[in-house]
mmCIF file of all heavy atoms, coordinates in Angstrom:
data_MODEL
# 
_entry.id   MODEL 
# 
loop_
_atom_site.group_PDB 
_atom_site.id 
_atom_site.type_symbol 
_atom_site.label_atom_id 
_atom_site.label_alt_id 
_atom_site.label_comp_id 
_atom_site.label_asym_id 
_atom_site.label_entity_id 
_atom_site.label_seq_id 
_atom_site.pdbx_PDB_ins_code 
_atom_site.Cartn_x 
_atom_site.Cartn_y 
_atom_site.Cartn_z 
_atom_site.occupancy 
_atom_site.B_iso_or_equiv 
_atom_site.pdbx_formal_charge 
_atom_site.auth_seq_id 
_atom_site.auth_comp_id 
_atom_site.auth_asym_id 
_atom_site.auth_atom_id 
_atom_site.pdbx_PDB_model_num 
ATOM 1   N N   . THR A 1 1  ? -13.125 -2.548 -4.233 1.00 0.00 ? 1  THR A N   1 
ATOM 2   C CA  . THR A 1 1  ? -12.913 -3.101 -2.893 1.00 0.00 ? 1  THR A CA  1 
ATOM 3   C C   . THR A 1 1  ? -11.574 -3.817 -2.824 1.00 0.00 ? 1  THR A C   1 
ATOM 4   O O   . THR A 1 1  ? -11.281 -4.698 -3.643 1.00 0.00 ? 1  THR A O   1 
ATOM 5   C CB  . THR A 1 1  ? -14.046 -4.090 -2.540 1.00 0.00 ? 1  THR A CB  1 
ATOM 6   O OG1 . THR A 1 1  ? -15.277 -3.363 -2.453 1.00 0.00 ? 1  THR A OG1 1 
ATOM 7   C CG2 . THR A 1 1  ? -13.770 -4.788 -1.220 1.00 0.00 ? 1  THR A CG2 1 
ATOM 8   N N   . ALA A 1 2  ? -10.745 -3.405 -1.867 1.00 0.00 ? 2  ALA A N   1 
ATOM 9   C CA  . ALA A 1 2  ? -9.393  -3.956 -1.748 1.00 0.00 ? 2  ALA A CA  1 
ATOM 10  C C   . ALA A 1 2  ? -8.710  -3.329 -0.536 1.00 0.00 ? 2  ALA A C   1 
ATOM 11  O O   . ALA A 1 2  ? -9.207  -2.348 0.032  1.00 0.00 ? 2  ALA A O   1 
ATOM 12  C CB  . ALA A 1 2  ? -8.579  -3.643 -2.996 1.00 0.00 ? 2  ALA A CB  1 
ATOM 13  N N   . VAL A 1 3  ? -7.566  -3.891 -0.190 1.00 0.00 ? 3  VAL A N   1 
ATOM 14  C CA  . VAL A 1 3  ? -6.662  -3.212 0.730  1.00 0.00 ? 3  VAL A CA  1 
ATOM 15  C C   . VAL A 1 3  ? -5.751  -2.341 -0.123 1.00 0.00 ? 3  VAL A C   1 
ATOM 16  O O   . VAL A 1 3  ? -5.163  -2.822 -1.103 1.00 0.00 ? 3  VAL A O   1 
ATOM 17  C CB  . VAL A 1 3  ? -5.839  -4.206 1.563  1.00 0.00 ? 3  VAL A CB  1 
ATOM 18  C CG1 . VAL A 1 3  ? -4.866  -3.457 2.473  1.00 0.00 ? 3  VAL A CG1 1 
ATOM 19  C CG2 . VAL A 1 3  ? -6.763  -5.089 2.392  1.00 0.00 ? 3  VAL A CG2 1 
ATOM 20  N N   . TYR A 1 4  ? -5.656  -1.062 0.242  1.00 0.00 ? 4  TYR A N   1 
ATOM 21  C CA  . TYR A 1 4  ? -4.852  -0.104 -0.504 1.00 0.00 ? 4  TYR A CA  1 
ATOM 22  C C   . TYR A 1 4  ? -3.545  0.143  0.250  1.00 0.00 ? 4  TYR A C   1 
ATOM 23  O O   . TYR A 1 4  ? -3.556  0.430  1.452  1.00 0.00 ? 4  TYR A O   1 
ATOM 24  C CB  . TYR A 1 4  ? -5.629  1.191  -0.699 1.00 0.00 ? 4  TYR A CB  1 
ATOM 25  C CG  . TYR A 1 4  ? -6.684  1.064  -1.762 1.00 0.00 ? 4  TYR A CG  1 
ATOM 26  C CD1 . TYR A 1 4  ? -7.835  0.296  -1.552 1.00 0.00 ? 4  TYR A CD1 1 
ATOM 27  C CD2 . TYR A 1 4  ? -6.541  1.676  -3.010 1.00 0.00 ? 4  TYR A CD2 1 
ATOM 28  C CE1 . TYR A 1 4  ? -8.795  0.160  -2.535 1.00 0.00 ? 4  TYR A CE1 1 
ATOM 29  C CE2 . TYR A 1 4  ? -7.503  1.552  -4.006 1.00 0.00 ? 4  TYR A CE2 1 
ATOM 30  C CZ  . TYR A 1 4  ? -8.621  0.784  -3.760 1.00 0.00 ? 4  TYR A CZ  1 
ATOM 31  O OH  . TYR A 1 4  ? -9.573  0.643  -4.746 1.00 0.00 ? 4  TYR A OH  1 
ATOM 32  N N   . TYR A 1 5  ? -2.444  0.053  -0.484 1.00 0.00 ? 5  TYR A N   1 
ATOM 33  C CA  . TYR A 1 5  ? -1.111  0.191  0.090  1.00 0.00 ? 5  TYR A CA  1 
ATOM 34  C C   . TYR A 1 5  ? -0.362  1.370  -0.546 1.00 0.00 ? 5  TYR A C   1 
ATOM 35  O O   . TYR A 1 5  ? -0.456  1.601  -1.756 1.00 0.00 ? 5  TYR A O   1 
ATOM 36  C CB  . TYR A 1 5  ? -0.280  -1.058 -0.168 1.00 0.00 ? 5  TYR A CB  1 
ATOM 37  C CG  . TYR A 1 5  ? -0.826  -2.322 0.452  1.00 0.00 ? 5  TYR A CG  1 
ATOM 38  C CD1 . TYR A 1 5  ? -1.691  -3.150 -0.253 1.00 0.00 ? 5  TYR A CD1 1 
ATOM 39  C CD2 . TYR A 1 5  ? -0.451  -2.702 1.739  1.00 0.00 ? 5  TYR A CD2 1 
ATOM 40  C CE1 . TYR A 1 5  ? -2.184  -4.309 0.312  1.00 0.00 ? 5  TYR A CE1 1 
ATOM 41  C CE2 . TYR A 1 5  ? -0.935  -3.859 2.311  1.00 0.00 ? 5  TYR A CE2 1 
ATOM 42  C CZ  . TYR A 1 5  ? -1.801  -4.656 1.586  1.00 0.00 ? 5  TYR A CZ  1 
ATOM 43  O OH  . TYR A 1 5  ? -2.285  -5.815 2.143  1.00 0.00 ? 5  TYR A OH  1 
ATOM 44  N N   . CYS A 1 6  ? 0.422   2.017  0.257  1.00 0.00 ? 6  CYS A N   1 
ATOM 45  C CA  . CYS A 1 6  ? 1.315   3.080  -0.185 1.00 0.00 ? 6  CYS A CA  1 
ATOM 46  C C   . CYS A 1 6  ? 2.716   2.478  -0.330 1.00 0.00 ? 6  CYS A C   1 
ATOM 47  O O   . CYS A 1 6  ? 3.109   1.622  0.483  1.00 0.00 ? 6  CYS A O   1 
ATOM 48  C CB  . CYS A 1 6  ? 1.287   4.162  0.892  1.00 0.00 ? 6  CYS A CB  1 
ATOM 49  S SG  . CYS A 1 6  ? 2.322   5.570  0.617  1.00 0.00 ? 6  CYS A SG  1 
ATOM 50  N N   . LYS A 1 7  ? 3.449   2.914  -1.330 1.00 0.00 ? 7  LYS A N   1 
ATOM 51  C CA  . LYS A 1 7  ? 4.801   2.401  -1.545 1.00 0.00 ? 7  LYS A CA  1 
ATOM 52  C C   . LYS A 1 7  ? 5.749   3.520  -1.936 1.00 0.00 ? 7  LYS A C   1 
ATOM 53  O O   . LYS A 1 7  ? 5.368   4.440  -2.670 1.00 0.00 ? 7  LYS A O   1 
ATOM 54  C CB  . LYS A 1 7  ? 4.805   1.360  -2.670 1.00 0.00 ? 7  LYS A CB  1 
ATOM 55  C CG  . LYS A 1 7  ? 6.144   0.654  -2.857 1.00 0.00 ? 7  LYS A CG  1 
ATOM 56  C CD  . LYS A 1 7  ? 6.185   -0.149 -4.128 1.00 0.00 ? 7  LYS A CD  1 
ATOM 57  C CE  . LYS A 1 7  ? 6.703   0.671  -5.286 1.00 0.00 ? 7  LYS A CE  1 
ATOM 58  N NZ  . LYS A 1 7  ? 6.965   -0.161 -6.483 1.00 0.00 ? 7  LYS A NZ  1 
ATOM 59  N N   . VAL A 1 8  ? 6.979   3.450  -1.424 1.00 0.00 ? 8  VAL A N   1 
ATOM 60  C CA  . VAL A 1 8  ? 8.052   4.315  -1.900 1.00 0.00 ? 8  VAL A CA  1 
ATOM 61  C C   . VAL A 1 8  ? 9.162   3.430  -2.442 1.00 0.00 ? 8  VAL A C   1 
ATOM 62  O O   . VAL A 1 8  ? 9.523   2.420  -1.835 1.00 0.00 ? 8  VAL A O   1 
ATOM 63  C CB  . VAL A 1 8  ? 8.573   5.267  -0.802 1.00 0.00 ? 8  VAL A CB  1 
ATOM 64  C CG1 . VAL A 1 8  ? 9.154   4.514  0.386  1.00 0.00 ? 8  VAL A CG1 1 
ATOM 65  C CG2 . VAL A 1 8  ? 9.618   6.221  -1.372 1.00 0.00 ? 8  VAL A CG2 1 
ATOM 66  N N   . ALA A 1 9  ? 9.666   3.803  -3.609 1.00 0.00 ? 9  ALA A N   1 
ATOM 67  C CA  . ALA A 1 9  ? 10.760  3.059  -4.235 1.00 0.00 ? 9  ALA A CA  1 
ATOM 68  C C   . ALA A 1 9  ? 12.044  3.842  -4.039 1.00 0.00 ? 9  ALA A C   1 
ATOM 69  O O   . ALA A 1 9  ? 12.169  4.960  -4.548 1.00 0.00 ? 9  ALA A O   1 
ATOM 70  C CB  . ALA A 1 9  ? 10.465  2.873  -5.716 1.00 0.00 ? 9  ALA A CB  1 
ATOM 71  N N   . THR A 1 10 ? 12.976  3.278  -3.270 1.00 0.00 ? 10 THR A N   1 
ATOM 72  C CA  . THR A 1 10 ? 14.274  3.902  -3.082 1.00 0.00 ? 10 THR A CA  1 
ATOM 73  C C   . THR A 1 10 ? 15.305  3.129  -3.911 1.00 0.00 ? 10 THR A C   1 
ATOM 74  O O   . THR A 1 10 ? 15.010  2.032  -4.391 1.00 0.00 ? 10 THR A O   1 
ATOM 75  C CB  . THR A 1 10 ? 14.685  3.900  -1.600 1.00 0.00 ? 10 THR A CB  1 
ATOM 76  O OG1 . THR A 1 10 ? 15.120  2.588  -1.237 1.00 0.00 ? 10 THR A OG1 1 
ATOM 77  C CG2 . THR A 1 10 ? 13.547  4.358  -0.713 1.00 0.00 ? 10 THR A CG2 1 
ATOM 78  N N   . PRO A 1 11 ? 16.514  3.656  -4.057 1.00 0.00 ? 11 PRO A N   1 
ATOM 79  C CA  . PRO A 1 11 ? 17.529  2.916  -4.830 1.00 0.00 ? 11 PRO A CA  1 
ATOM 80  C C   . PRO A 1 11 ? 17.878  1.563  -4.205 1.00 0.00 ? 11 PRO A C   1 
ATOM 81  O O   . PRO A 1 11 ? 18.401  0.683  -4.899 1.00 0.00 ? 11 PRO A O   1 
ATOM 82  C CB  . PRO A 1 11 ? 18.734  3.854  -4.803 1.00 0.00 ? 11 PRO A CB  1 
ATOM 83  C CG  . PRO A 1 11 ? 18.159  5.209  -4.604 1.00 0.00 ? 11 PRO A CG  1 
ATOM 84  C CD  . PRO A 1 11 ? 16.975  4.999  -3.695 1.00 0.00 ? 11 PRO A CD  1 
ATOM 85  N N   . PHE A 1 12 ? 17.614  1.397  -2.922 1.00 0.00 ? 12 PHE A N   1 
ATOM 86  C CA  . PHE A 1 12 ? 18.028  0.183  -2.225 1.00 0.00 ? 12 PHE A CA  1 
ATOM 87  C C   . PHE A 1 12 ? 16.907  -0.847 -2.144 1.00 0.00 ? 12 PHE A C   1 
ATOM 88  O O   . PHE A 1 12 ? 17.134  -2.039 -2.269 1.00 0.00 ? 12 PHE A O   1 
ATOM 89  C CB  . PHE A 1 12 ? 18.533  0.525  -0.831 1.00 0.00 ? 12 PHE A CB  1 
ATOM 90  C CG  . PHE A 1 12 ? 19.592  1.584  -0.858 1.00 0.00 ? 12 PHE A CG  1 
ATOM 91  C CD1 . PHE A 1 12 ? 19.306  2.889  -0.480 1.00 0.00 ? 12 PHE A CD1 1 
ATOM 92  C CD2 . PHE A 1 12 ? 20.869  1.291  -1.288 1.00 0.00 ? 12 PHE A CD2 1 
ATOM 93  C CE1 . PHE A 1 12 ? 20.273  3.866  -0.529 1.00 0.00 ? 12 PHE A CE1 1 
ATOM 94  C CE2 . PHE A 1 12 ? 21.853  2.262  -1.336 1.00 0.00 ? 12 PHE A CE2 1 
ATOM 95  C CZ  . PHE A 1 12 ? 21.549  3.551  -0.966 1.00 0.00 ? 12 PHE A CZ  1 
ATOM 96  N N   . MET A 1 13 ? 15.702  -0.384 -1.906 1.00 0.00 ? 13 MET A N   1 
ATOM 97  C CA  . MET A 1 13 ? 14.570  -1.299 -1.785 1.00 0.00 ? 13 MET A CA  1 
ATOM 98  C C   . MET A 1 13 ? 13.267  -0.527 -1.794 1.00 0.00 ? 13 MET A C   1 
ATOM 99  O O   . MET A 1 13 ? 13.269  0.698  -1.666 1.00 0.00 ? 13 MET A O   1 
ATOM 100 C CB  . MET A 1 13 ? 14.671  -2.118 -0.496 1.00 0.00 ? 13 MET A CB  1 
ATOM 101 C CG  . MET A 1 13 ? 14.640  -1.331 0.791  1.00 0.00 ? 13 MET A CG  1 
ATOM 102 S SD  . MET A 1 13 ? 14.755  -2.371 2.255  1.00 0.00 ? 13 MET A SD  1 
ATOM 103 C CE  . MET A 1 13 ? 13.138  -3.122 2.277  1.00 0.00 ? 13 MET A CE  1 
ATOM 104 N N   . ASP A 1 14 ? 12.188  -1.261 -1.955 1.00 0.00 ? 14 ASP A N   1 
ATOM 105 C CA  . ASP A 1 14 ? 10.855  -0.676 -1.862 1.00 0.00 ? 14 ASP A CA  1 
ATOM 106 C C   . ASP A 1 14 ? 10.349  -0.820 -0.434 1.00 0.00 ? 14 ASP A C   1 
ATOM 107 O O   . ASP A 1 14 ? 10.589  -1.836 0.224  1.00 0.00 ? 14 ASP A O   1 
ATOM 108 C CB  . ASP A 1 14 ? 9.884   -1.403 -2.799 1.00 0.00 ? 14 ASP A CB  1 
ATOM 109 C CG  . ASP A 1 14 ? 10.229  -1.222 -4.262 1.00 0.00 ? 14 ASP A CG  1 
ATOM 110 O OD1 . ASP A 1 14 ? 10.996  -0.284 -4.580 1.00 0.00 ? 14 ASP A OD1 1 
ATOM 111 O OD2 . ASP A 1 14 ? 9.728   -2.006 -5.080 1.00 0.00 ? 14 ASP A OD2 1 
ATOM 112 N N   . TYR A 1 15 ? 9.638   0.207  0.026  1.00 0.00 ? 15 TYR A N   1 
ATOM 113 C CA  . TYR A 1 15 ? 9.017   0.166  1.348  1.00 0.00 ? 15 TYR A CA  1 
ATOM 114 C C   . TYR A 1 15 ? 7.510   0.276  1.186  1.00 0.00 ? 15 TYR A C   1 
ATOM 115 O O   . TYR A 1 15 ? 7.026   1.057  0.360  1.00 0.00 ? 15 TYR A O   1 
ATOM 116 C CB  . TYR A 1 15 ? 9.520   1.309  2.224  1.00 0.00 ? 15 TYR A CB  1 
ATOM 117 C CG  . TYR A 1 15 ? 10.978  1.214  2.592  1.00 0.00 ? 15 TYR A CG  1 
ATOM 118 C CD1 . TYR A 1 15 ? 11.950  1.776  1.772  1.00 0.00 ? 15 TYR A CD1 1 
ATOM 119 C CD2 . TYR A 1 15 ? 11.391  0.564  3.756  1.00 0.00 ? 15 TYR A CD2 1 
ATOM 120 C CE1 . TYR A 1 15 ? 13.298  1.697  2.104  1.00 0.00 ? 15 TYR A CE1 1 
ATOM 121 C CE2 . TYR A 1 15 ? 12.736  0.490  4.093  1.00 0.00 ? 15 TYR A CE2 1 
ATOM 122 C CZ  . TYR A 1 15 ? 13.676  1.057  3.259  1.00 0.00 ? 15 TYR A CZ  1 
ATOM 123 O OH  . TYR A 1 15 ? 15.012  0.972  3.591  1.00 0.00 ? 15 TYR A OH  1 
ATOM 124 N N   . TRP A 1 16 ? 6.808   -0.489 2.000  1.00 0.00 ? 16 TRP A N   1 
ATOM 125 C CA  . TRP A 1 16 ? 5.346   -0.533 1.925  1.00 0.00 ? 16 TRP A CA  1 
ATOM 126 C C   . TRP A 1 16 ? 4.728   -0.176 3.283  1.00 0.00 ? 16 TRP A C   1 
ATOM 127 O O   . TRP A 1 16 ? 5.281   -0.505 4.328  1.00 0.00 ? 16 TRP A O   1 
ATOM 128 C CB  . TRP A 1 16 ? 4.881   -1.946 1.572  1.00 0.00 ? 16 TRP A CB  1 
ATOM 129 C CG  . TRP A 1 16 ? 5.292   -2.421 0.229  1.00 0.00 ? 16 TRP A CG  1 
ATOM 130 C CD1 . TRP A 1 16 ? 6.479   -3.017 -0.102 1.00 0.00 ? 16 TRP A CD1 1 
ATOM 131 C CD2 . TRP A 1 16 ? 4.524   -2.372 -0.975 1.00 0.00 ? 16 TRP A CD2 1 
ATOM 132 N NE1 . TRP A 1 16 ? 6.494   -3.334 -1.442 1.00 0.00 ? 16 TRP A NE1 1 
ATOM 133 C CE2 . TRP A 1 16 ? 5.305   -2.951 -1.999 1.00 0.00 ? 16 TRP A CE2 1 
ATOM 134 C CE3 . TRP A 1 16 ? 3.256   -1.904 -1.285 1.00 0.00 ? 16 TRP A CE3 1 
ATOM 135 C CZ2 . TRP A 1 16 ? 4.843   -3.064 -3.319 1.00 0.00 ? 16 TRP A CZ2 1 
ATOM 136 C CZ3 . TRP A 1 16 ? 2.801   -2.025 -2.595 1.00 0.00 ? 16 TRP A CZ3 1 
ATOM 137 C CH2 . TRP A 1 16 ? 3.592   -2.595 -3.589 1.00 0.00 ? 16 TRP A CH2 1 
ATOM 138 N N   . GLY A 1 17 ? 3.562   0.441  3.227  1.00 0.00 ? 17 GLY A N   1 
ATOM 139 C CA  . GLY A 1 17 ? 2.772   0.597  4.435  1.00 0.00 ? 17 GLY A CA  1 
ATOM 140 C C   . GLY A 1 17 ? 2.001   -0.678 4.713  1.00 0.00 ? 17 GLY A C   1 
ATOM 141 O O   . GLY A 1 17 ? 2.080   -1.656 3.954  1.00 0.00 ? 17 GLY A O   1 
ATOM 142 N N   . LYS A 1 18 ? 1.229   -0.657 5.811  1.00 0.00 ? 18 LYS A N   1 
ATOM 143 C CA  . LYS A 1 18 ? 0.470   -1.852 6.191  1.00 0.00 ? 18 LYS A CA  1 
ATOM 144 C C   . LYS A 1 18 ? -0.881  -1.936 5.504  1.00 0.00 ? 18 LYS A C   1 
ATOM 145 O O   . LYS A 1 18 ? -1.545  -2.971 5.573  1.00 0.00 ? 18 LYS A O   1 
ATOM 146 C CB  . LYS A 1 18 ? 0.303   -1.888 7.713  1.00 0.00 ? 18 LYS A CB  1 
ATOM 147 C CG  . LYS A 1 18 ? 1.619   -2.102 8.437  1.00 0.00 ? 18 LYS A CG  1 
ATOM 148 C CD  . LYS A 1 18 ? 1.426   -2.208 9.935  1.00 0.00 ? 18 LYS A CD  1 
ATOM 149 C CE  . LYS A 1 18 ? 2.766   -2.461 10.625 1.00 0.00 ? 18 LYS A CE  1 
ATOM 150 N NZ  . LYS A 1 18 ? 2.631   -2.564 12.082 1.00 0.00 ? 18 LYS A NZ  1 
ATOM 151 N N   . GLY A 1 19 ? -1.302  -0.856 4.885  1.00 0.00 ? 19 GLY A N   1 
ATOM 152 C CA  . GLY A 1 19 ? -2.530  -0.871 4.107  1.00 0.00 ? 19 GLY A CA  1 
ATOM 153 C C   . GLY A 1 19 ? -3.745  -0.355 4.850  1.00 0.00 ? 19 GLY A C   1 
ATOM 154 O O   . GLY A 1 19 ? -3.773  -0.323 6.091  1.00 0.00 ? 19 GLY A O   1 
ATOM 155 N N   . THR A 1 20 ? -4.736  0.049  4.077  1.00 0.00 ? 20 THR A N   1 
ATOM 156 C CA  . THR A 1 20 ? -6.020  0.473  4.624  1.00 0.00 ? 20 THR A CA  1 
ATOM 157 C C   . THR A 1 20 ? -7.116  -0.148 3.759  1.00 0.00 ? 20 THR A C   1 
ATOM 158 O O   . THR A 1 20 ? -7.023  -0.156 2.529  1.00 0.00 ? 20 THR A O   1 
ATOM 159 C CB  . THR A 1 20 ? -6.131  2.009  4.678  1.00 0.00 ? 20 THR A CB  1 
ATOM 160 O OG1 . THR A 1 20 ? -7.341  2.396  5.327  1.00 0.00 ? 20 THR A OG1 1 
ATOM 161 C CG2 . THR A 1 20 ? -6.076  2.656  3.297  1.00 0.00 ? 20 THR A CG2 1 
ATOM 162 N N   . LEU A 1 21 ? -8.133  -0.697 4.417  1.00 0.00 ? 21 LEU A N   1 
ATOM 163 C CA  . LEU A 1 21 ? -9.178  -1.440 3.710  1.00 0.00 ? 21 LEU A CA  1 
ATOM 164 C C   . LEU A 1 21 ? -10.262 -0.499 3.188  1.00 0.00 ? 21 LEU A C   1 
ATOM 165 O O   . LEU A 1 21 ? -10.804 0.315  3.946  1.00 0.00 ? 21 LEU A O   1 
ATOM 166 C CB  . LEU A 1 21 ? -9.794  -2.476 4.638  1.00 0.00 ? 21 LEU A CB  1 
ATOM 167 C CG  . LEU A 1 21 ? -10.971 -3.289 4.080  1.00 0.00 ? 21 LEU A CG  1 
ATOM 168 C CD1 . LEU A 1 21 ? -10.536 -4.124 2.883  1.00 0.00 ? 21 LEU A CD1 1 
ATOM 169 C CD2 . LEU A 1 21 ? -11.559 -4.177 5.180  1.00 0.00 ? 21 LEU A CD2 1 
ATOM 170 N N   . VAL A 1 22 ? -10.568 -0.646 1.912  1.00 0.00 ? 22 VAL A N   1 
ATOM 171 C CA  . VAL A 1 22 ? -11.680 0.069  1.286  1.00 0.00 ? 22 VAL A CA  1 
ATOM 172 C C   . VAL A 1 22 ? -12.714 -0.967 0.850  1.00 0.00 ? 22 VAL A C   1 
ATOM 173 O O   . VAL A 1 22 ? -12.382 -1.903 0.118  1.00 0.00 ? 22 VAL A O   1 
ATOM 174 C CB  . VAL A 1 22 ? -11.203 0.880  0.072  1.00 0.00 ? 22 VAL A CB  1 
ATOM 175 C CG1 . VAL A 1 22 ? -12.396 1.454  -0.694 1.00 0.00 ? 22 VAL A CG1 1 
ATOM 176 C CG2 . VAL A 1 22 ? -10.260 1.989  0.509  1.00 0.00 ? 22 VAL A CG2 1 
ATOM 177 N N   . THR A 1 23 ? -13.936 -0.787 1.332  1.00 0.00 ? 23 THR A N   1 
ATOM 178 C CA  . THR A 1 23 ? -15.028 -1.686 0.966  1.00 0.00 ? 23 THR A CA  1 
ATOM 179 C C   . THR A 1 23 ? -16.127 -0.872 0.316  1.00 0.00 ? 23 THR A C   1 
ATOM 180 O O   . THR A 1 23 ? -16.632 0.084  0.921  1.00 0.00 ? 23 THR A O   1 
ATOM 181 C CB  . THR A 1 23 ? -15.577 -2.422 2.198  1.00 0.00 ? 23 THR A CB  1 
ATOM 182 O OG1 . THR A 1 23 ? -14.520 -3.129 2.852  1.00 0.00 ? 23 THR A OG1 1 
ATOM 183 C CG2 . THR A 1 23 ? -16.665 -3.408 1.789  1.00 0.00 ? 23 THR A CG2 1 
ATOM 184 N N   . VAL A 1 24 ? -16.469 -1.237 -0.913 1.00 0.00 ? 24 VAL A N   1 
ATOM 185 C CA  . VAL A 1 24 ? -17.523 -0.539 -1.645 1.00 0.00 ? 24 VAL A CA  1 
ATOM 186 C C   . VAL A 1 24 ? -18.709 -1.499 -1.764 1.00 0.00 ? 24 VAL A C   1 
ATOM 187 O O   . VAL A 1 24 ? -18.647 -2.504 -2.476 1.00 0.00 ? 24 VAL A O   1 
ATOM 188 C CB  . VAL A 1 24 ? -17.054 -0.092 -3.036 1.00 0.00 ? 24 VAL A CB  1 
ATOM 189 C CG1 . VAL A 1 24 ? -18.152 0.721  -3.722 1.00 0.00 ? 24 VAL A CG1 1 
ATOM 190 C CG2 . VAL A 1 24 ? -15.763 0.710  -2.934 1.00 0.00 ? 24 VAL A CG2 1 
ATOM 191 N N   . SER A 1 25 ? -19.755 -1.183 -1.037 1.00 0.00 ? 25 SER A N   1 
ATOM 192 C CA  . SER A 1 25 ? -20.900 -2.083 -0.973 1.00 0.00 ? 25 SER A CA  1 
ATOM 193 C C   . SER A 1 25 ? -22.141 -1.328 -0.538 1.00 0.00 ? 25 SER A C   1 
ATOM 194 O O   . SER A 1 25 ? -22.053 -0.377 0.250  1.00 0.00 ? 25 SER A O   1 
ATOM 195 C CB  . SER A 1 25 ? -20.622 -3.219 0.016  1.00 0.00 ? 25 SER A CB  1 
ATOM 196 O OG  . SER A 1 25 ? -21.756 -4.042 0.170  1.00 0.00 ? 25 SER A OG  1 
# 
C-alpha cells in the first residue's frame, strides 16, 4: 500500500508524475 510514482531521469533533472494510490486491504 502506497502512492506509486513514475519518474524519468534526464541529463538536466528528474521528472515525476503526480502518483496513483494503491491500497491493498
